[in-house]
Amino acid sequence: MKKILEDETWILADQSPMFKLKAEVIPTEEPLRIAASGKMPKFMNVPKNLKDIIMEKEQEIKQANDEVKNEEVVEEKAEETAAETVVEEPKEDVVVEETVTKAEADKRVSGMQSAMAKQMDTMKKDYEAKIADLQVQMKAKDEELVTAKAEATSLVKKLEDSANELSKLTSALEEKTNALDALNASVNTPNETTDWKSLKGKEFFDWYRKTH
């Protein structure tokens, strides 16, 4: 057994009785390829048919790996394409999906941004014009208010002057009224100190005229 190992002897399944090995051969429709693994090339005396099986297996593994890589690339491209898919708003309950390239999507976004910028610029100019118009109106109202205040101040001054003049006239009228009342009282009121019996001639007639 030591020599068999040192010589790296390869034993087929049907040769196991020759080497007195208690091995069981499992019948299959196709030969099993359990020995065809990536560790086999480290041996020196691998049989040619087994080498061919190993190379075939490695080729199959490489092809499978390539297919997996291709599938990953396809999936990545599919994900990029899905990310670039633009879904438009539904019209009349109909959902429409449009697949566009990234460049086309960027172009559309740029166009939308440009349109929005123009719209905002127009709105800004409109608001600025309205604000300027309101400022002009407010300035005119301020000037009207200043003029109205000046007119009101002048009117108050005139009213005060008129009130003072009226007060003076009232005082003068009261003085004249008092003087007239005094005069009237002196004319119509008999002089109690005058003794009419002592009056004679013209004095009596003058007194009588004043008192009656």
C-alpha atoms as a PDB file:
ATOM      1  CA  MET A   1       0.000   0.000   0.000  1.00  0.00           C
ATOM      2  CA  LYS A   2       2.940   2.327   0.789  1.00  0.00           C
ATOM      3  CA  LYS A   3       4.440   1.690  -2.641  1.00  0.00           C
ATOM      4  CA  ILE A   4       1.078   2.234  -4.308  1.00  0.00           C
ATOM      5  CA  LEU A   5       0.842   5.612  -2.573  1.00  0.00           C
ATOM      6  CA  GLU A   6       4.433   6.603  -3.326  1.00  0.00           C
ATOM      7  CA  ASP A   7       4.031   5.677  -7.003  1.00  0.00           C
ATOM      8  CA  GLU A   8       0.820   7.709  -7.135  1.00  0.00           C
ATOM      9  CA  THR A   9      -1.034   4.760  -8.558  1.00  0.00           C
ATOM     10  CA  TRP A  10      -4.468   5.490 -10.014  1.00  0.00           C
ATOM     11  CA  ILE A  11      -6.989   2.665  -9.621  1.00  0.00           C
ATOM     12  CA  LEU A  12     -10.125   2.336 -11.646  1.00  0.00           C
ATOM     13  CA  ALA A  13     -13.314   1.115 -10.037  1.00  0.00           C
ATOM     14  CA  ASP A  14     -13.222  -2.236 -11.787  1.00  0.00           C
ATOM     15  CA  GLN A  15      -9.562  -2.726 -10.695  1.00  0.00           C
ATOM     16  CA  SER A  16     -10.353  -2.598  -6.961  1.00  0.00           C
ATOM     17  CA  PRO A  17     -10.519  -6.446  -6.583  1.00  0.00           C
ATOM     18  CA  MET A  18      -7.037  -6.684  -8.139  1.00  0.00           C
ATOM     19  CA  PHE A  19      -5.623  -4.562  -5.311  1.00  0.00           C
ATOM     20  CA  LYS A  20      -7.757  -6.363  -2.747  1.00  0.00           C
ATOM     21  CA  LEU A  21      -9.703  -3.214  -1.927  1.00  0.00           C
ATOM     22  CA  LYS A  22     -13.145  -3.490  -0.366  1.00  0.00           C
ATOM     23  CA  ALA A  23     -14.700  -1.011  -2.761  1.00  0.00           C
ATOM     24  CA  GLU A  24     -18.242  -0.962  -4.055  1.00  0.00           C
ATOM     25  CA  VAL A  25     -18.985   0.014  -7.627  1.00  0.00           C
ATOM     26  CA  ILE A  26     -22.188   2.062  -7.937  1.00  0.00           C
ATOM     27  CA  PRO A  27     -23.826   1.493 -11.316  1.00  0.00           C
ATOM     28  CA  THR A  28     -24.951   4.733 -13.072  1.00  0.00           C
ATOM     29  CA  GLU A  29     -26.176   5.663 -16.533  1.00  0.00           C
ATOM     30  CA  GLU A  30     -23.246   8.054 -16.920  1.00  0.00           C
ATOM     31  CA  PRO A  31     -19.807   7.871 -15.326  1.00  0.00           C
ATOM     32  CA  LEU A  32     -19.527   9.837 -12.074  1.00  0.00           C
ATOM     33  CA  ARG A  33     -17.026  12.687 -12.146  1.00  0.00           C
ATOM     34  CA  ILE A  34     -16.354  13.024  -8.470  1.00  0.00           C
ATOM     35  CA  ALA A  35     -12.580  13.100  -9.022  1.00  0.00           C
ATOM     36  CA  ALA A  36     -12.809  15.958 -11.545  1.00  0.00           C
ATOM     37  CA  SER A  37     -12.125  18.852  -9.213  1.00  0.00           C
ATOM     38  CA  GLY A  38      -9.813  21.836  -9.194  1.00  0.00           C
ATOM     39  CA  LYS A  39      -7.415  20.102  -6.818  1.00  0.00           C
ATOM     40  CA  MET A  40      -6.407  17.375  -9.280  1.00  0.00           C
ATOM     41  CA  PRO A  41      -3.672  19.244 -11.248  1.00  0.00           C
ATOM     42  CA  LYS A  42      -1.317  19.122  -8.218  1.00  0.00           C
ATOM     43  CA  PHE A  43      -0.830  15.379  -8.841  1.00  0.00           C
ATOM     44  CA  MET A  44       1.910  14.250 -11.220  1.00  0.00           C
ATOM     45  CA  ASN A  45       0.487  11.055 -12.740  1.00  0.00           C
ATOM     46  CA  VAL A  46      -3.072  11.940 -13.512  1.00  0.00           C
ATOM     47  CA  PRO A  47      -4.421   9.662 -16.277  1.00  0.00           C
ATOM     48  CA  LYS A  48      -5.028  11.325 -19.626  1.00  0.00           C
ATOM     49  CA  ASN A  49      -8.731  10.548 -19.717  1.00  0.00           C
ATOM     50  CA  LEU A  50      -9.122  12.094 -16.270  1.00  0.00           C
ATOM     51  CA  LYS A  51      -7.129  15.138 -17.340  1.00  0.00           C
ATOM     52  CA  ASP A  52      -9.493  15.509 -20.268  1.00  0.00           C
ATOM     53  CA  ILE A  53     -12.459  15.283 -17.900  1.00  0.00           C
ATOM     54  CA  ILE A  54     -10.839  17.874 -15.607  1.00  0.00           C
ATOM     55  CA  MET A  55     -10.154  20.260 -18.498  1.00  0.00           C
ATOM     56  CA  GLU A  56     -13.697  19.772 -19.747  1.00  0.00           C
ATOM     57  CA  LYS A  57     -15.032  20.473 -16.276  1.00  0.00           C
ATOM     58  CA  GLU A  58     -12.869  23.581 -15.923  1.00  0.00           C
ATOM     59  CA  GLN A  59     -14.099  24.749 -19.320  1.00  0.00           C
ATOM     60  CA  GLU A  60     -17.679  24.224 -18.177  1.00  0.00           C
ATOM     61  CA  ILE A  61     -16.986  26.130 -14.943  1.00  0.00           C
ATOM     62  CA  LYS A  62     -15.335  28.971 -16.876  1.00  0.00           C
ATOM     63  CA  GLN A  63     -18.250  29.118 -19.308  1.00  0.00           C
ATOM     64  CA  ALA A  64     -20.718  29.128 -16.409  1.00  0.00           C
ATOM     65  CA  ASN A  65     -18.775  31.938 -14.727  1.00  0.00           C
ATOM     66  CA  ASP A  66     -18.742  33.912 -17.980  1.00  0.00           C
ATOM     67  CA  GLU A  67     -22.495  33.425 -18.325  1.00  0.00           C
ATOM     68  CA  VAL A  68     -23.001  34.611 -14.750  1.00  0.00           C
ATOM     69  CA  LYS A  69     -20.863  37.682 -15.433  1.00  0.00           C
ATOM     70  CA  ASN A  70     -22.797  38.394 -18.635  1.00  0.00           C
ATOM     71  CA  GLU A  71     -26.067  38.045 -16.742  1.00  0.00           C
ATOM     72  CA  GLU A  72     -24.788  40.470 -14.094  1.00  0.00           C
ATOM     73  CA  VAL A  73     -23.798  42.967 -16.800  1.00  0.00           C
ATOM     74  CA  VAL A  74     -27.216  42.588 -18.442  1.00  0.00           C
ATOM     75  CA  GLU A  75     -28.909  43.070 -15.065  1.00  0.00           C
ATOM     76  CA  GLU A  76     -26.825  46.192 -14.378  1.00  0.00           C
ATOM     77  CA  LYS A  77     -27.736  47.630 -17.777  1.00  0.00           C
ATOM     78  CA  ALA A  78     -31.372  46.724 -17.144  1.00  0.00           C
ATOM     79  CA  GLU A  79     -31.234  48.530 -13.783  1.00  0.00           C
ATOM     80  CA  GLU A  80     -29.674  51.599 -15.413  1.00  0.00           C
ATOM     81  CA  THR A  81     -32.326  51.546 -18.122  1.00  0.00           C
ATOM     82  CA  ALA A  82     -35.059  51.159 -15.490  1.00  0.00           C
ATOM     83  CA  ALA A  83     -33.609  54.094 -13.543  1.00  0.00           C
ATOM     84  CA  GLU A  84     -33.746  56.191 -16.695  1.00  0.00           C
ATOM     85  CA  THR A  85     -37.363  55.261 -17.386  1.00  0.00           C
ATOM     86  CA  VAL A  86     -39.606  58.343 -17.290  1.00  0.00           C
ATOM     87  CA  VAL A  87     -43.208  57.699 -16.282  1.00  0.00           C
ATOM     88  CA  GLU A  88     -45.577  60.365 -17.558  1.00  0.00           C
ATOM     89  CA  GLU A  89     -48.719  61.347 -15.691  1.00  0.00           C
ATOM     90  CA  PRO A  90     -51.756  59.216 -16.648  1.00  0.00           C
ATOM     91  CA  LYS A  91     -54.249  60.727 -19.023  1.00  0.00           C
ATOM     92  CA  GLU A  92     -57.832  59.496 -18.916  1.00  0.00           C
ATOM     93  CA  ASP A  93     -56.929  56.589 -16.585  1.00  0.00           C
ATOM     94  CA  VAL A  94     -54.318  55.248 -19.044  1.00  0.00           C
ATOM     95  CA  VAL A  95     -50.791  54.713 -17.689  1.00  0.00           C
ATOM     96  CA  VAL A  96     -48.100  55.288 -20.295  1.00  0.00           C
ATOM     97  CA  GLU A  97     -44.471  54.405 -19.649  1.00  0.00           C
ATOM     98  CA  GLU A  98     -41.780  55.810 -21.871  1.00  0.00           C
ATOM     99  CA  THR A  99     -38.230  54.526 -21.785  1.00  0.00           C
ATOM    100  CA  VAL A 100     -35.671  57.170 -22.669  1.00  0.00           C
ATOM    101  CA  THR A 101     -31.927  57.386 -22.542  1.00  0.00           C
ATOM    102  CA  LYS A 102     -30.091  59.288 -19.829  1.00  0.00           C
ATOM    103  CA  ALA A 103     -29.067  61.979 -22.313  1.00  0.00           C
ATOM    104  CA  GLU A 104     -32.681  62.438 -23.415  1.00  0.00           C
ATOM    105  CA  ALA A 105     -33.830  62.550 -19.782  1.00  0.00           C
ATOM    106  CA  ASP A 106     -31.162  65.160 -18.973  1.00  0.00           C
ATOM    107  CA  LYS A 107     -32.261  67.161 -22.008  1.00  0.00           C
ATOM    108  CA  ARG A 108     -35.882  67.058 -20.902  1.00  0.00           C
ATOM    109  CA  VAL A 109     -34.992  68.043 -17.344  1.00  0.00           C
ATOM    110  CA  SER A 110     -32.874  70.912 -18.657  1.00  0.00           C
ATOM    111  CA  GLY A 111     -35.773  72.050 -20.852  1.00  0.00           C
ATOM    112  CA  MET A 112     -38.176  71.929 -17.913  1.00  0.00           C
ATOM    113  CA  GLN A 113     -35.742  73.877 -15.747  1.00  0.00           C
ATOM    114  CA  SER A 114     -35.323  76.494 -18.494  1.00  0.00           C
ATOM    115  CA  ALA A 115     -39.101  76.833 -18.921  1.00  0.00           C
ATOM    116  CA  MET A 116     -39.580  77.151 -15.161  1.00  0.00           C
ATOM    117  CA  ALA A 117     -36.809  79.768 -14.980  1.00  0.00           C
ATOM    118  CA  LYS A 118     -38.473  81.817 -17.738  1.00  0.00           C
ATOM    119  CA  GLN A 119     -41.860  81.531 -16.039  1.00  0.00           C
ATOM    120  CA  MET A 120     -40.397  82.598 -12.699  1.00  0.00           C
ATOM    121  CA  ASP A 121     -38.591  85.517 -14.379  1.00  0.00           C
ATOM    122  CA  THR A 122     -41.866  86.634 -15.997  1.00  0.00           C
ATOM    123  CA  MET A 123     -43.703  86.360 -12.670  1.00  0.00           C
ATOM    124  CA  LYS A 124     -40.916  88.286 -10.942  1.00  0.00           C
ATOM    125  CA  LYS A 125     -41.092  91.116 -13.491  1.00  0.00           C
ATOM    126  CA  ASP A 126     -44.887  91.195 -13.166  1.00  0.00           C
ATOM    127  CA  TYR A 127     -44.688  91.429  -9.375  1.00  0.00           C
ATOM    128  CA  GLU A 128     -41.969  94.089  -9.577  1.00  0.00           C
ATOM    129  CA  ALA A 129     -44.168  96.145 -11.934  1.00  0.00           C
ATOM    130  CA  LYS A 130     -47.136  95.796  -9.564  1.00  0.00           C
ATOM    131  CA  ILE A 131     -44.988  96.782  -6.584  1.00  0.00           C
ATOM    132  CA  ALA A 132     -43.653  99.825  -8.472  1.00  0.00           C
ATOM    133  CA  ASP A 133     -47.224 100.845  -9.366  1.00  0.00           C
ATOM    134  CA  LEU A 134     -48.322 100.465  -5.736  1.00  0.00           C
ATOM    135  CA  GLN A 135     -45.347 102.548  -4.610  1.00  0.00           C
ATOM    136  CA  VAL A 136     -46.365 105.331  -7.037  1.00  0.00           C
ATOM    137  CA  GLN A 137     -49.945 105.188  -5.767  1.00  0.00           C
ATOM    138  CA  MET A 138     -48.768 105.247  -2.142  1.00  0.00           C
ATOM    139  CA  LYS A 139     -46.530 108.241  -2.870  1.00  0.00           C
ATOM    140  CA  ALA A 140     -49.460 110.085  -4.469  1.00  0.00           C
ATOM    141  CA  LYS A 141     -51.664 109.232  -1.470  1.00  0.00           C
ATOM    142  CA  ASP A 142     -48.931 110.475   0.881  1.00  0.00           C
ATOM    143  CA  GLU A 143     -48.763 113.775  -1.024  1.00  0.00           C
ATOM    144  CA  GLU A 144     -52.556 114.078  -0.892  1.00  0.00           C
ATOM    145  CA  LEU A 145     -52.455 113.361   2.843  1.00  0.00           C
ATOM    146  CA  VAL A 146     -49.790 116.038   3.395  1.00  0.00           C
ATOM    147  CA  THR A 147     -51.885 118.550   1.405  1.00  0.00           C
ATOM    148  CA  ALA A 148     -55.017 117.588   3.340  1.00  0.00           C
ATOM    149  CA  LYS A 149     -53.169 117.994   6.652  1.00  0.00           C
ATOM    150  CA  ALA A 150     -51.921 121.443   5.583  1.00  0.00           C
ATOM    151  CA  GLU A 151     -55.448 122.468   4.513  1.00  0.00           C
ATOM    152  CA  ALA A 152     -56.873 121.141   7.783  1.00  0.00           C
ATOM    153  CA  THR A 153     -54.251 123.067   9.782  1.00  0.00           C
ATOM    154  CA  SER A 154     -55.058 126.251   7.845  1.00  0.00           C
ATOM    155  CA  LEU A 155     -58.776 125.710   8.352  1.00  0.00           C
ATOM    156  CA  VAL A 156     -58.280 125.184  12.087  1.00  0.00           C
ATOM    157  CA  LYS A 157     -56.261 128.417  12.225  1.00  0.00           C
ATOM    158  CA  LYS A 158     -59.016 130.271  10.396  1.00  0.00           C
ATOM    159  CA  LEU A 159     -61.612 128.791  12.720  1.00  0.00           C
ATOM    160  CA  GLU A 160     -59.564 129.868  15.740  1.00  0.00           C
ATOM    161  CA  ASP A 161     -59.182 133.375  14.304  1.00  0.00           C
ATOM    162  CA  SER A 162     -62.894 133.510  13.555  1.00  0.00           C
ATOM    163  CA  ALA A 163     -63.678 132.304  17.069  1.00  0.00           C
ATOM    164  CA  ASN A 164     -61.448 134.997  18.561  1.00  0.00           C
ATOM    165  CA  GLU A 165     -63.048 137.646  16.327  1.00  0.00           C
ATOM    166  CA  LEU A 166     -66.494 136.401  17.256  1.00  0.00           C
ATOM    167  CA  SER A 167     -65.553 136.519  20.940  1.00  0.00           C
ATOM    168  CA  LYS A 168     -64.417 140.121  20.542  1.00  0.00           C
ATOM    169  CA  LEU A 169     -67.603 141.039  18.697  1.00  0.00           C
ATOM    170  CA  THR A 170     -69.662 139.267  21.350  1.00  0.00           C
ATOM    171  CA  SER A 171     -67.877 141.204  24.102  1.00  0.00           C
ATOM    172  CA  ALA A 172     -68.379 144.493  22.264  1.00  0.00           C
ATOM    173  CA  LEU A 173     -72.038 143.647  21.666  1.00  0.00           C
ATOM    174  CA  GLU A 174     -72.487 142.815  25.326  1.00  0.00           C
ATOM    175  CA  GLU A 175     -70.912 146.129  26.290  1.00  0.00           C
ATOM    176  CA  LYS A 176     -73.165 148.030  23.887  1.00  0.00           C
ATOM    177  CA  THR A 177     -76.173 146.037  25.039  1.00  0.00           C
ATOM    178  CA  ASN A 178     -75.379 146.801  28.667  1.00  0.00           C
ATOM    179  CA  ALA A 179     -74.905 150.483  27.853  1.00  0.00           C
ATOM    180  CA  LEU A 180     -78.163 150.556  25.926  1.00  0.00           C
ATOM    181  CA  ASP A 181     -79.954 148.766  28.739  1.00  0.00           C
ATOM    182  CA  ALA A 182     -78.562 151.274  31.215  1.00  0.00           C
ATOM    183  CA  LEU A 183     -79.584 154.160  28.989  1.00  0.00           C
ATOM    184  CA  ASN A 184     -82.997 152.679  28.465  1.00  0.00           C
ATOM    185  CA  ALA A 185     -83.377 152.133  32.185  1.00  0.00           C
ATOM    186  CA  SER A 186     -82.356 155.693  32.922  1.00  0.00           C
ATOM    187  CA  VAL A 187     -84.844 157.015  30.391  1.00  0.00           C
ATOM    188  CA  ASN A 188     -87.809 154.790  31.265  1.00  0.00           C
ATOM    189  CA  THR A 189     -87.306 154.584  34.993  1.00  0.00           C
ATOM    190  CA  PRO A 190     -88.705 157.514  36.961  1.00  0.00           C
ATOM    191  CA  ASN A 191     -86.315 159.386  39.137  1.00  0.00           C
ATOM    192  CA  GLU A 192     -87.618 158.633  42.544  1.00  0.00           C
ATOM    193  CA  THR A 193     -85.640 161.472  44.024  1.00  0.00           C
ATOM    194  CA  THR A 194     -87.369 163.968  41.739  1.00  0.00           C
ATOM    195  CA  ASP A 195     -90.366 165.646  43.326  1.00  0.00           C
ATOM    196  CA  TRP A 196     -92.696 166.326  40.426  1.00  0.00           C
ATOM    197  CA  LYS A 197     -94.790 168.547  42.548  1.00  0.00           C
ATOM    198  CA  SER A 198     -91.976 170.986  42.809  1.00  0.00           C
ATOM    199  CA  LEU A 199     -91.523 171.145  39.043  1.00  0.00           C
ATOM    200  CA  LYS A 200     -92.992 173.990  37.202  1.00  0.00           C
ATOM    201  CA  GLY A 201     -93.576 174.883  33.628  1.00  0.00           C
ATOM    202  CA  LYS A 202     -91.103 173.388  31.107  1.00  0.00           C
ATOM    203  CA  GLU A 203     -89.329 171.191  33.694  1.00  0.00           C
ATOM    204  CA  PHE A 204     -92.606 169.506  34.527  1.00  0.00           C
ATOM    205  CA  PHE A 205     -93.398 168.792  30.860  1.00  0.00           C
ATOM    206  CA  ASP A 206     -89.863 167.467  30.250  1.00  0.00           C
ATOM    207  CA  TRP A 207     -90.129 165.178  33.255  1.00  0.00           C
ATOM    208  CA  TYR A 208     -93.536 164.041  32.167  1.00  0.00           C
ATOM    209  CA  ARG A 209     -92.329 163.255  28.647  1.00  0.00           C
ATOM    210  CA  LYS A 210     -89.446 161.189  29.954  1.00  0.00           C
ATOM    211  CA  THR A 211     -91.467 159.271  32.457  1.00  0.00           C
ATOM    212  CA  HIS A 212     -94.641 158.634  30.415  1.00  0.00           C
END
